[in-house]
Every structure is written in structure tokens, then in C-alpha cells.
Amino acid sequence: MTFSNPSGSNITEYATYRVFNVTNSTTIKFYQGLIDQSVVIDNVKIRKSYAITLDESEDNSTTISSYKDKLVSATTRTITGGIWNTMCLPFRVYGDVLKLALGDNQDIQLRTFSDYSAGVMSFSSVTEVSAGTPFLIKINETVTNPTFPVVTMKEVATNTVTHGDVSFVGTYNPIDLATDGTNLFLTTRNTLASPASDKNRMNGMRAYIVVPSGFNPSNARIMMDDGETTAISLMPSGAEATPRATYNLKGQRIEKARRGLYVVNGKLTLVK
């Protein structure tokens, strides 16, 4: 929005502001420090934002279609701190929205698949990711079911990013991965795994890697453009594509739950 005096010349120009959590008693005030100056606010838009949930264990197609091109505050899947998480979302992800969703205290790192050569999968740092594009994200502390406020839902197909004969594929919905060694997923230990035939369901809002038949991943690496190299070793076939992740109510990941309330795979669960 622009502050102008009657002659039309700008006094001060500001970026666009978005107001969240508006209620019937919300008041918006603008302060003008100059004396005897008229202030004109132009290009004011008021749009309704819808609160929605994208469920990692359910098909989200109807929700995405119902709210396409609408402003939404979208609750999504849990992002685990301290590791690289794969992710794919039906709206644009960028700095301000990430900070609002994950917190100002987080060191948020985003990477997209940029090259593959001789066993090295290169991922480059980006500041934003378009709707439908799979990406890696790392944060300091786990955020359980974060809400991305005031984003525009897009009914776009998920992208398959291919370099050489290796592809990085995003999905909004749960998917059954192939168990013949051509579909690999990134585990919570930053290892690549080929899923077992009875544990090959991967939850939604994630991404997986597609490799050619006979691919030898023994020397595979994921390399970041800042020089960080994550050693990727292939876990034996039989891994679970969506392992059970358990957190206490403080958002801390735990290995074994005792009695009480916990978040298991993004769901509030009572352990007796």
C-alpha cells in the first residue's frame, strides 16, 4: 500500500501487509507522524481466508480442488527437526510464510534437486518453492502439524524433477512405492531405503526418488550447494516407507512412549 499527499507525490511507500486472525473486534490503525498532511491509502483488498487441513494419511485431492485459487491457512504434516525432510505442497512456500508457520527461531533450509552425476544427487539452496515442486527442508526443532497462513491453494499436478536417469517425485497423497528397488525414500536417519512389500505405503506431502532398474546406490550421496555432503547408504529391503514417529506434547521426538498423550504420525494418541 502507498501513502500519498494530495499532490500525488509519495510520502512513504510500504510493502503489502497481511492481517491474520481477524475477529469482529479487530481494529487496524495507521499512524502518520507528519503534521498537517493528508494520507491516502490505495489498493486495499479484503479477502476471506479459509482454515483447512491437508492430512498426510488421506487423499487430499477433494480439498485441493475445493479451495483452488483461494486464500487458505493450511495445516500440514509434521516437520522433524535436525534432519532433512522431503516435502511437496500445493501452494508456494517462501520466507515470510515459513517463518510464520515454523517460528522465527528456526534456521530454515530449503533445497531442490538440481543435478545428478556419478552417484551424486545435487540439491541447490532456494528461498522459495513453487506449488507442486518436491523439496528438502531442514529446521532446528520439530514442529508438529504446522499451519502455513494465508497461502493460495493451487490445483496443480505434482512435479517430477529429473536429472540424468534419476527423478525426485512429489506427492500430495499417500502412495504405494514400488518394491523392486526402483523407488527409494529418505529415512529419518538420512539413509535411502527400498520399502518392504508389506510396508511400502508412504504418507502424503512427501517426495521419493525413482532410479532405473539395476541401480547401484552403494556409493550414492546427496550433496548440497554449500558443500554439505550427506552420506546415503542403502538400507536393506524391508524398511517401512512411513515409519512411526512419536513426539511428546512439547514437540520432542521420543523412541518409546510411556503412559500419557503423544503425537504419533501427526495424530494425538493416548498411550495406556
C-alpha atoms as a PDB file:
ATOM      1  CA  MET A   1       0.000   0.000   0.000  1.00  0.00           C
ATOM      2  CA  THR A   2       1.155   3.569  -0.683  1.00  0.00           C
ATOM      3  CA  PHE A   3       0.855   6.687   1.496  1.00  0.00           C
ATOM      4  CA  SER A   4       0.375   9.796  -0.681  1.00  0.00           C
ATOM      5  CA  ASN A   5      -0.235  13.512  -0.169  1.00  0.00           C
ATOM      6  CA  PRO A   6      -2.932  15.400  -2.145  1.00  0.00           C
ATOM      7  CA  SER A   7      -0.500  16.387  -4.884  1.00  0.00           C
ATOM      8  CA  GLY A   8       0.134  12.741  -5.665  1.00  0.00           C
ATOM      9  CA  SER A   9       3.795  12.532  -4.674  1.00  0.00           C
ATOM     10  CA  ASN A  10       4.644   9.727  -2.293  1.00  0.00           C
ATOM     11  CA  ILE A  11       5.407  10.453   1.338  1.00  0.00           C
ATOM     12  CA  THR A  12       6.309   6.867   2.240  1.00  0.00           C
ATOM     13  CA  GLU A  13       5.838   3.602   0.398  1.00  0.00           C
ATOM     14  CA  TYR A  14       5.380   0.339   2.235  1.00  0.00           C
ATOM     15  CA  ALA A  15       5.207  -3.270   1.213  1.00  0.00           C
ATOM     16  CA  THR A  16       1.938  -5.148   1.246  1.00  0.00           C
ATOM     17  CA  TYR A  17       0.718  -6.099   4.717  1.00  0.00           C
ATOM     18  CA  ARG A  18      -1.423  -9.100   5.612  1.00  0.00           C
ATOM     19  CA  VAL A  19      -3.516  -9.132   8.771  1.00  0.00           C
ATOM     20  CA  PHE A  20      -4.050 -12.545  10.388  1.00  0.00           C
ATOM     21  CA  ASN A  21      -6.619 -13.860  12.881  1.00  0.00           C
ATOM     22  CA  VAL A  22      -9.157 -11.093  12.259  1.00  0.00           C
ATOM     23  CA  THR A  23     -12.187 -11.032  14.583  1.00  0.00           C
ATOM     24  CA  ASN A  24     -15.239  -8.766  14.865  1.00  0.00           C
ATOM     25  CA  SER A  25     -13.328  -6.540  17.284  1.00  0.00           C
ATOM     26  CA  THR A  26     -10.160  -6.185  15.171  1.00  0.00           C
ATOM     27  CA  THR A  27      -9.085  -2.573  14.564  1.00  0.00           C
ATOM     28  CA  ILE A  28      -6.465  -1.562  12.010  1.00  0.00           C
ATOM     29  CA  LYS A  29      -4.729   1.737  12.705  1.00  0.00           C
ATOM     30  CA  PHE A  30      -2.280   3.685  10.534  1.00  0.00           C
ATOM     31  CA  TYR A  31      -0.022   6.267  12.161  1.00  0.00           C
ATOM     32  CA  GLN A  32       1.228   9.285  10.213  1.00  0.00           C
ATOM     33  CA  GLY A  33       3.918  11.259  12.016  1.00  0.00           C
ATOM     34  CA  LEU A  34       3.959  14.301   9.734  1.00  0.00           C
ATOM     35  CA  ILE A  35       1.801  17.232  10.849  1.00  0.00           C
ATOM     36  CA  ASP A  36      -0.865  18.737   8.538  1.00  0.00           C
ATOM     37  CA  GLN A  37      -0.501  16.079   5.882  1.00  0.00           C
ATOM     38  CA  SER A  38      -3.385  14.215   4.281  1.00  0.00           C
ATOM     39  CA  VAL A  39      -2.883  10.488   3.890  1.00  0.00           C
ATOM     40  CA  VAL A  40      -4.470   8.363   1.182  1.00  0.00           C
ATOM     41  CA  ILE A  41      -4.413   4.570   1.307  1.00  0.00           C
ATOM     42  CA  ASP A  42      -4.911   2.995  -2.084  1.00  0.00           C
ATOM     43  CA  ASN A  43      -5.243  -0.540  -3.443  1.00  0.00           C
ATOM     44  CA  VAL A  44      -6.938  -2.027  -0.383  1.00  0.00           C
ATOM     45  CA  LYS A  45      -8.121  -5.625  -0.831  1.00  0.00           C
ATOM     46  CA  ILE A  46     -10.134  -7.663   1.642  1.00  0.00           C
ATOM     47  CA  ARG A  47     -10.284 -11.409   1.006  1.00  0.00           C
ATOM     48  CA  LYS A  48     -11.510 -14.258   3.143  1.00  0.00           C
ATOM     49  CA  SER A  49      -9.021 -16.916   4.171  1.00  0.00           C
ATOM     50  CA  TYR A  50     -10.181 -20.486   4.816  1.00  0.00           C
ATOM     51  CA  ALA A  51      -8.717 -22.726   7.516  1.00  0.00           C
ATOM     52  CA  ILE A  52      -8.088 -26.185   6.051  1.00  0.00           C
ATOM     53  CA  THR A  53      -6.167 -29.339   6.922  1.00  0.00           C
ATOM     54  CA  LEU A  54      -4.145 -31.431   4.493  1.00  0.00           C
ATOM     55  CA  ASP A  55      -3.998 -34.909   6.031  1.00  0.00           C
ATOM     56  CA  GLU A  56      -0.831 -36.863   5.283  1.00  0.00           C
ATOM     57  CA  SER A  57      -2.666 -40.180   5.658  1.00  0.00           C
ATOM     58  CA  GLU A  58      -5.654 -39.293   3.427  1.00  0.00           C
ATOM     59  CA  ASP A  59      -6.290 -38.363  -0.207  1.00  0.00           C
ATOM     60  CA  ASN A  60      -6.229 -34.545  -0.351  1.00  0.00           C
ATOM     61  CA  SER A  61      -7.497 -34.195  -3.929  1.00  0.00           C
ATOM     62  CA  THR A  62     -11.005 -33.033  -2.974  1.00  0.00           C
ATOM     63  CA  THR A  63      -9.705 -30.441  -0.519  1.00  0.00           C
ATOM     64  CA  ILE A  64      -7.224 -29.072  -3.054  1.00  0.00           C
ATOM     65  CA  SER A  65      -9.877 -28.899  -5.766  1.00  0.00           C
ATOM     66  CA  SER A  66     -12.477 -27.291  -3.478  1.00  0.00           C
ATOM     67  CA  TYR A  67     -10.151 -24.457  -2.456  1.00  0.00           C
ATOM     68  CA  LYS A  68      -8.177 -23.937  -5.657  1.00  0.00           C
ATOM     69  CA  ASP A  69      -7.078 -20.312  -6.166  1.00  0.00           C
ATOM     70  CA  LYS A  70      -8.456 -19.382  -2.721  1.00  0.00           C
ATOM     71  CA  LEU A  71      -6.524 -17.980   0.214  1.00  0.00           C
ATOM     72  CA  VAL A  72      -6.137 -20.650   2.876  1.00  0.00           C
ATOM     73  CA  SER A  73      -4.352 -21.227   6.144  1.00  0.00           C
ATOM     74  CA  ALA A  74      -3.234 -24.800   5.600  1.00  0.00           C
ATOM     75  CA  THR A  75      -2.327 -27.188   8.401  1.00  0.00           C
ATOM     76  CA  THR A  76       0.130 -29.769   7.066  1.00  0.00           C
ATOM     77  CA  ARG A  77       2.271 -32.674   8.179  1.00  0.00           C
ATOM     78  CA  THR A  78       4.837 -32.609  10.980  1.00  0.00           C
ATOM     79  CA  ILE A  79       8.363 -31.457  10.060  1.00  0.00           C
ATOM     80  CA  THR A  80      11.066 -33.159  12.136  1.00  0.00           C
ATOM     81  CA  GLY A  81      13.922 -31.009  13.430  1.00  0.00           C
ATOM     82  CA  GLY A  82      17.583 -31.730  12.811  1.00  0.00           C
ATOM     83  CA  ILE A  83      17.164 -33.877   9.675  1.00  0.00           C
ATOM     84  CA  TRP A  84      16.313 -33.392   6.024  1.00  0.00           C
ATOM     85  CA  ASN A  85      12.588 -33.867   5.402  1.00  0.00           C
ATOM     86  CA  THR A  86      11.132 -34.413   1.935  1.00  0.00           C
ATOM     87  CA  MET A  87       8.070 -32.299   1.221  1.00  0.00           C
ATOM     88  CA  CYS A  88       5.642 -31.337  -1.532  1.00  0.00           C
ATOM     89  CA  LEU A  89       2.791 -28.839  -1.066  1.00  0.00           C
ATOM     90  CA  PRO A  90       0.001 -27.464  -3.290  1.00  0.00           C
ATOM     91  CA  PHE A  91       0.945 -23.846  -2.655  1.00  0.00           C
ATOM     92  CA  ARG A  92       4.013 -21.612  -2.935  1.00  0.00           C
ATOM     93  CA  VAL A  93       6.401 -21.772   0.010  1.00  0.00           C
ATOM     94  CA  TYR A  94       8.591 -18.748   0.758  1.00  0.00           C
ATOM     95  CA  GLY A  95      10.368 -16.912   3.568  1.00  0.00           C
ATOM     96  CA  ASP A  96       7.624 -14.978   5.377  1.00  0.00           C
ATOM     97  CA  VAL A  97       5.160 -17.863   5.280  1.00  0.00           C
ATOM     98  CA  LEU A  98       7.812 -20.309   6.520  1.00  0.00           C
ATOM     99  CA  LYS A  99       8.687 -18.072   9.463  1.00  0.00           C
ATOM    100  CA  LEU A 100       5.033 -17.680  10.398  1.00  0.00           C
ATOM    101  CA  ALA A 101       4.428 -21.417  10.136  1.00  0.00           C
ATOM    102  CA  LEU A 102       7.610 -22.693  11.782  1.00  0.00           C
ATOM    103  CA  GLY A 103       8.755 -19.843  14.051  1.00  0.00           C
ATOM    104  CA  ASP A 104      11.298 -17.037  13.946  1.00  0.00           C
ATOM    105  CA  ASN A 105      13.800 -19.098  15.948  1.00  0.00           C
ATOM    106  CA  GLN A 106      14.229 -21.704  13.231  1.00  0.00           C
ATOM    107  CA  ASP A 107      17.169 -21.903  10.843  1.00  0.00           C
ATOM    108  CA  ILE A 108      15.122 -22.918   7.800  1.00  0.00           C
ATOM    109  CA  GLN A 109      16.966 -24.511   4.887  1.00  0.00           C
ATOM    110  CA  LEU A 110      15.305 -25.337   1.565  1.00  0.00           C
ATOM    111  CA  ARG A 111      16.866 -27.401  -1.231  1.00  0.00           C
ATOM    112  CA  THR A 112      15.620 -28.546  -4.635  1.00  0.00           C
ATOM    113  CA  PHE A 113      17.036 -31.322  -6.854  1.00  0.00           C
ATOM    114  CA  SER A 114      19.381 -29.681  -9.355  1.00  0.00           C
ATOM    115  CA  ASP A 115      21.674 -32.348 -10.846  1.00  0.00           C
ATOM    116  CA  TYR A 116      22.708 -35.995 -10.836  1.00  0.00           C
ATOM    117  CA  SER A 117      26.039 -37.388 -11.935  1.00  0.00           C
ATOM    118  CA  ALA A 118      28.149 -40.415 -10.991  1.00  0.00           C
ATOM    119  CA  GLY A 119      26.108 -41.319  -7.942  1.00  0.00           C
ATOM    120  CA  VAL A 120      25.854 -37.759  -6.599  1.00  0.00           C
ATOM    121  CA  MET A 121      22.417 -36.168  -6.247  1.00  0.00           C
ATOM    122  CA  SER A 122      22.957 -32.408  -6.040  1.00  0.00           C
ATOM    123  CA  PHE A 123      20.467 -30.173  -4.248  1.00  0.00           C
ATOM    124  CA  SER A 124      20.652 -26.381  -4.508  1.00  0.00           C
ATOM    125  CA  SER A 125      19.628 -23.808  -1.937  1.00  0.00           C
ATOM    126  CA  VAL A 126      16.472 -21.837  -2.764  1.00  0.00           C
ATOM    127  CA  THR A 127      14.446 -19.161  -0.993  1.00  0.00           C
ATOM    128  CA  GLU A 128      11.064 -20.289  -2.279  1.00  0.00           C
ATOM    129  CA  VAL A 129       9.426 -23.320  -3.852  1.00  0.00           C
ATOM    130  CA  SER A 130       6.518 -23.241  -6.293  1.00  0.00           C
ATOM    131  CA  ALA A 131       3.344 -25.269  -5.771  1.00  0.00           C
ATOM    132  CA  GLY A 132       3.767 -28.940  -6.631  1.00  0.00           C
ATOM    133  CA  THR A 133       7.579 -28.929  -6.590  1.00  0.00           C
ATOM    134  CA  PRO A 134       9.236 -31.526  -4.312  1.00  0.00           C
ATOM    135  CA  PHE A 135      11.925 -30.196  -1.980  1.00  0.00           C
ATOM    136  CA  LEU A 136      14.068 -30.895   1.061  1.00  0.00           C
ATOM    137  CA  ILE A 137      13.613 -28.871   4.240  1.00  0.00           C
ATOM    138  CA  LYS A 138      15.622 -28.824   7.454  1.00  0.00           C
ATOM    139  CA  ILE A 139      14.758 -26.908  10.640  1.00  0.00           C
ATOM    140  CA  ASN A 140      16.210 -26.786  14.148  1.00  0.00           C
ATOM    141  CA  GLU A 141      13.274 -28.017  16.191  1.00  0.00           C
ATOM    142  CA  THR A 142      10.355 -30.286  15.342  1.00  0.00           C
ATOM    143  CA  VAL A 143       7.071 -28.519  14.522  1.00  0.00           C
ATOM    144  CA  THR A 144       4.015 -30.729  14.838  1.00  0.00           C
ATOM    145  CA  ASN A 145       1.408 -30.140  12.123  1.00  0.00           C
ATOM    146  CA  PRO A 146       2.473 -26.569  11.229  1.00  0.00           C
ATOM    147  CA  THR A 147      -0.056 -24.166   9.727  1.00  0.00           C
ATOM    148  CA  PHE A 148       1.055 -22.144   6.696  1.00  0.00           C
ATOM    149  CA  PRO A 149      -1.026 -18.928   6.929  1.00  0.00           C
ATOM    150  CA  VAL A 150      -2.667 -17.144   4.027  1.00  0.00           C
ATOM    151  CA  VAL A 151      -1.291 -19.055   1.051  1.00  0.00           C
ATOM    152  CA  THR A 152      -3.014 -19.507  -2.304  1.00  0.00           C
ATOM    153  CA  MET A 153      -4.086 -23.077  -2.969  1.00  0.00           C
ATOM    154  CA  LYS A 154      -3.159 -24.315  -6.432  1.00  0.00           C
ATOM    155  CA  GLU A 155      -4.701 -27.313  -8.153  1.00  0.00           C
ATOM    156  CA  VAL A 156      -1.522 -28.273  -9.967  1.00  0.00           C
ATOM    157  CA  ALA A 157      -0.065 -31.699 -10.549  1.00  0.00           C
ATOM    158  CA  THR A 158       2.983 -32.609  -8.504  1.00  0.00           C
ATOM    159  CA  ASN A 159       6.248 -32.185 -10.380  1.00  0.00           C
ATOM    160  CA  THR A 160       8.741 -34.871 -11.293  1.00  0.00           C
ATOM    161  CA  VAL A 161      12.216 -33.313 -11.342  1.00  0.00           C
ATOM    162  CA  THR A 162      14.583 -35.437 -13.435  1.00  0.00           C
ATOM    163  CA  HIS A 163      18.328 -35.208 -13.972  1.00  0.00           C
ATOM    164  CA  GLY A 164      20.085 -37.968 -15.838  1.00  0.00           C
ATOM    165  CA  ASP A 165      18.248 -41.193 -15.060  1.00  0.00           C
ATOM    166  CA  VAL A 166      17.226 -40.226 -11.511  1.00  0.00           C
ATOM    167  CA  SER A 167      13.976 -38.460 -10.603  1.00  0.00           C
ATOM    168  CA  PHE A 168      12.704 -36.698  -7.485  1.00  0.00           C
ATOM    169  CA  VAL A 169       8.931 -37.138  -7.332  1.00  0.00           C
ATOM    170  CA  GLY A 170       6.481 -35.308  -5.080  1.00  0.00           C
ATOM    171  CA  THR A 171       3.086 -36.485  -3.875  1.00  0.00           C
ATOM    172  CA  TYR A 172       0.257 -34.759  -2.008  1.00  0.00           C
ATOM    173  CA  ASN A 173      -1.404 -38.065  -1.122  1.00  0.00           C
ATOM    174  CA  PRO A 174      -0.329 -41.416   0.339  1.00  0.00           C
ATOM    175  CA  ILE A 175       1.221 -43.658  -2.280  1.00  0.00           C
ATOM    176  CA  ASP A 176       2.356 -47.270  -2.530  1.00  0.00           C
ATOM    177  CA  LEU A 177       6.001 -47.303  -3.558  1.00  0.00           C
ATOM    178  CA  ALA A 178       7.377 -49.962  -5.875  1.00  0.00           C
ATOM    179  CA  THR A 179       9.300 -52.654  -4.017  1.00  0.00           C
ATOM    180  CA  ASP A 180      11.572 -53.726  -6.888  1.00  0.00           C
ATOM    181  CA  GLY A 181      14.385 -51.349  -5.953  1.00  0.00           C
ATOM    182  CA  THR A 182      13.377 -48.563  -8.338  1.00  0.00           C
ATOM    183  CA  ASN A 183      11.602 -46.466  -5.662  1.00  0.00           C
ATOM    184  CA  LEU A 184      13.677 -45.211  -2.743  1.00  0.00           C
ATOM    185  CA  PHE A 185      12.754 -42.971   0.163  1.00  0.00           C
ATOM    186  CA  LEU A 186      14.801 -40.858   2.558  1.00  0.00           C
ATOM    187  CA  THR A 187      14.599 -42.176   6.112  1.00  0.00           C
ATOM    188  CA  THR A 188      14.806 -40.266   9.393  1.00  0.00           C
ATOM    189  CA  ARG A 189      18.446 -41.376   9.596  1.00  0.00           C
ATOM    190  CA  ASN A 190      19.264 -39.758   6.245  1.00  0.00           C
ATOM    191  CA  THR A 191      19.593 -43.119   4.553  1.00  0.00           C
ATOM    192  CA  LEU A 192      17.936 -44.363   1.402  1.00  0.00           C
ATOM    193  CA  ALA A 193      15.654 -47.331   1.785  1.00  0.00           C
ATOM    194  CA  SER A 194      13.819 -49.656  -0.550  1.00  0.00           C
ATOM    195  CA  PRO A 195      10.453 -50.433   1.055  1.00  0.00           C
ATOM    196  CA  ALA A 196       9.251 -53.877   2.041  1.00  0.00           C
ATOM    197  CA  SER A 197       6.349 -55.320   0.109  1.00  0.00           C
ATOM    198  CA  ASP A 198       4.042 -55.079   3.133  1.00  0.00           C
ATOM    199  CA  LYS A 199       5.339 -51.687   4.361  1.00  0.00           C
ATOM    200  CA  ASN A 200       5.538 -49.695   1.147  1.00  0.00           C
ATOM    201  CA  ARG A 201       2.861 -47.048   1.886  1.00  0.00           C
ATOM    202  CA  MET A 202       4.408 -43.553   2.032  1.00  0.00           C
ATOM    203  CA  ASN A 203       2.300 -40.778   3.533  1.00  0.00           C
ATOM    204  CA  GLY A 204       1.404 -37.661   1.573  1.00  0.00           C
ATOM    205  CA  MET A 205       3.137 -34.274   1.328  1.00  0.00           C
ATOM    206  CA  ARG A 206       6.461 -36.015   0.746  1.00  0.00           C
ATOM    207  CA  ALA A 207       8.782 -36.977  -2.104  1.00  0.00           C
ATOM    208  CA  TYR A 208      10.624 -40.102  -3.176  1.00  0.00           C
ATOM    209  CA  ILE A 209      13.428 -40.993  -5.561  1.00  0.00           C
ATOM    210  CA  VAL A 210      12.975 -43.049  -8.726  1.00  0.00           C
ATOM    211  CA  VAL A 211      16.035 -44.832 -10.115  1.00  0.00           C
ATOM    212  CA  PRO A 212      16.458 -47.199 -13.077  1.00  0.00           C
ATOM    213  CA  SER A 213      16.293 -50.963 -12.682  1.00  0.00           C
ATOM    214  CA  GLY A 214      19.635 -52.359 -11.534  1.00  0.00           C
ATOM    215  CA  PHE A 215      20.692 -49.053  -9.952  1.00  0.00           C
ATOM    216  CA  ASN A 216      23.606 -49.493  -7.530  1.00  0.00           C
ATOM    217  CA  PRO A 217      23.185 -46.975  -4.694  1.00  0.00           C
ATOM    218  CA  SER A 218      26.143 -48.199  -2.607  1.00  0.00           C
ATOM    219  CA  ASN A 219      28.164 -45.061  -3.373  1.00  0.00           C
ATOM    220  CA  ALA A 220      25.237 -42.661  -3.662  1.00  0.00           C
ATOM    221  CA  ARG A 221      25.496 -39.261  -1.998  1.00  0.00           C
ATOM    222  CA  ILE A 222      23.309 -36.216  -1.598  1.00  0.00           C
ATOM    223  CA  MET A 223      25.371 -33.062  -1.947  1.00  0.00           C
ATOM    224  CA  MET A 224      24.206 -29.561  -1.020  1.00  0.00           C
ATOM    225  CA  ASP A 225      25.446 -26.491  -2.863  1.00  0.00           C
ATOM    226  CA  ASP A 226      27.075 -25.159   0.322  1.00  0.00           C
ATOM    227  CA  GLY A 227      29.437 -28.143   0.401  1.00  0.00           C
ATOM    228  CA  GLU A 228      27.495 -30.271   2.883  1.00  0.00           C
ATOM    229  CA  THR A 229      27.540 -33.902   1.838  1.00  0.00           C
ATOM    230  CA  THR A 230      25.060 -36.315   3.342  1.00  0.00           C
ATOM    231  CA  ALA A 231      26.223 -39.903   3.124  1.00  0.00           C
ATOM    232  CA  ILE A 232      23.404 -42.045   1.823  1.00  0.00           C
ATOM    233  CA  SER A 233      23.666 -45.748   2.456  1.00  0.00           C
ATOM    234  CA  LEU A 234      21.063 -48.166   1.184  1.00  0.00           C
ATOM    235  CA  MET A 235      19.170 -49.853   3.982  1.00  0.00           C
ATOM    236  CA  PRO A 236      18.264 -53.493   3.460  1.00  0.00           C
ATOM    237  CA  SER A 237      14.990 -54.145   1.707  1.00  0.00           C
ATOM    238  CA  GLY A 238      12.237 -54.397   4.274  1.00  0.00           C
ATOM    239  CA  ALA A 239      12.225 -50.876   5.645  1.00  0.00           C
ATOM    240  CA  GLU A 240       8.936 -49.166   6.413  1.00  0.00           C
ATOM    241  CA  ALA A 241       8.174 -46.339   3.963  1.00  0.00           C
ATOM    242  CA  THR A 242       6.383 -44.288   6.626  1.00  0.00           C
ATOM    243  CA  PRO A 243       7.972 -45.166   9.989  1.00  0.00           C
ATOM    244  CA  ARG A 244       6.034 -44.380  13.145  1.00  0.00           C
ATOM    245  CA  ALA A 245       7.214 -41.044  14.553  1.00  0.00           C
ATOM    246  CA  THR A 246       6.290 -40.296  18.186  1.00  0.00           C
ATOM    247  CA  TYR A 247       6.522 -36.907  19.911  1.00  0.00           C
ATOM    248  CA  ASN A 248       5.574 -35.654  23.353  1.00  0.00           C
ATOM    249  CA  LEU A 249       3.350 -32.599  23.726  1.00  0.00           C
ATOM    250  CA  LYS A 250       6.444 -30.352  23.758  1.00  0.00           C
ATOM    251  CA  GLY A 251       7.240 -31.453  20.212  1.00  0.00           C
ATOM    252  CA  GLN A 252      10.241 -33.549  21.284  1.00  0.00           C
ATOM    253  CA  ARG A 253      10.763 -36.826  19.424  1.00  0.00           C
ATOM    254  CA  ILE A 254      10.959 -39.896  21.680  1.00  0.00           C
ATOM    255  CA  GLU A 255      11.866 -43.507  20.997  1.00  0.00           C
ATOM    256  CA  LYS A 256       9.404 -45.152  23.393  1.00  0.00           C
ATOM    257  CA  ALA A 257       6.146 -43.738  24.702  1.00  0.00           C
ATOM    258  CA  ARG A 258       5.054 -44.270  28.296  1.00  0.00           C
ATOM    259  CA  ARG A 259       1.571 -43.577  29.618  1.00  0.00           C
ATOM    260  CA  GLY A 260       0.063 -40.288  28.533  1.00  0.00           C
ATOM    261  CA  LEU A 261      -0.773 -38.209  25.471  1.00  0.00           C
ATOM    262  CA  TYR A 262       1.567 -38.261  22.486  1.00  0.00           C
ATOM    263  CA  VAL A 263       1.571 -37.280  18.825  1.00  0.00           C
ATOM    264  CA  VAL A 264       2.068 -40.437  16.747  1.00  0.00           C
ATOM    265  CA  ASN A 265       2.389 -39.897  12.981  1.00  0.00           C
ATOM    266  CA  GLY A 266       0.759 -36.478  13.373  1.00  0.00           C
ATOM    267  CA  LYS A 267      -2.217 -37.819  15.387  1.00  0.00           C
ATOM    268  CA  LEU A 268      -2.943 -37.108  19.066  1.00  0.00           C
ATOM    269  CA  THR A 269      -2.785 -40.554  20.720  1.00  0.00           C
ATOM    270  CA  LEU A 270      -3.426 -41.759  24.284  1.00  0.00           C
ATOM    271  CA  VAL A 271      -0.915 -44.408  25.371  1.00  0.00           C
ATOM    272  CA  LYS A 272      -2.260 -46.519  28.237  1.00  0.00           C
END
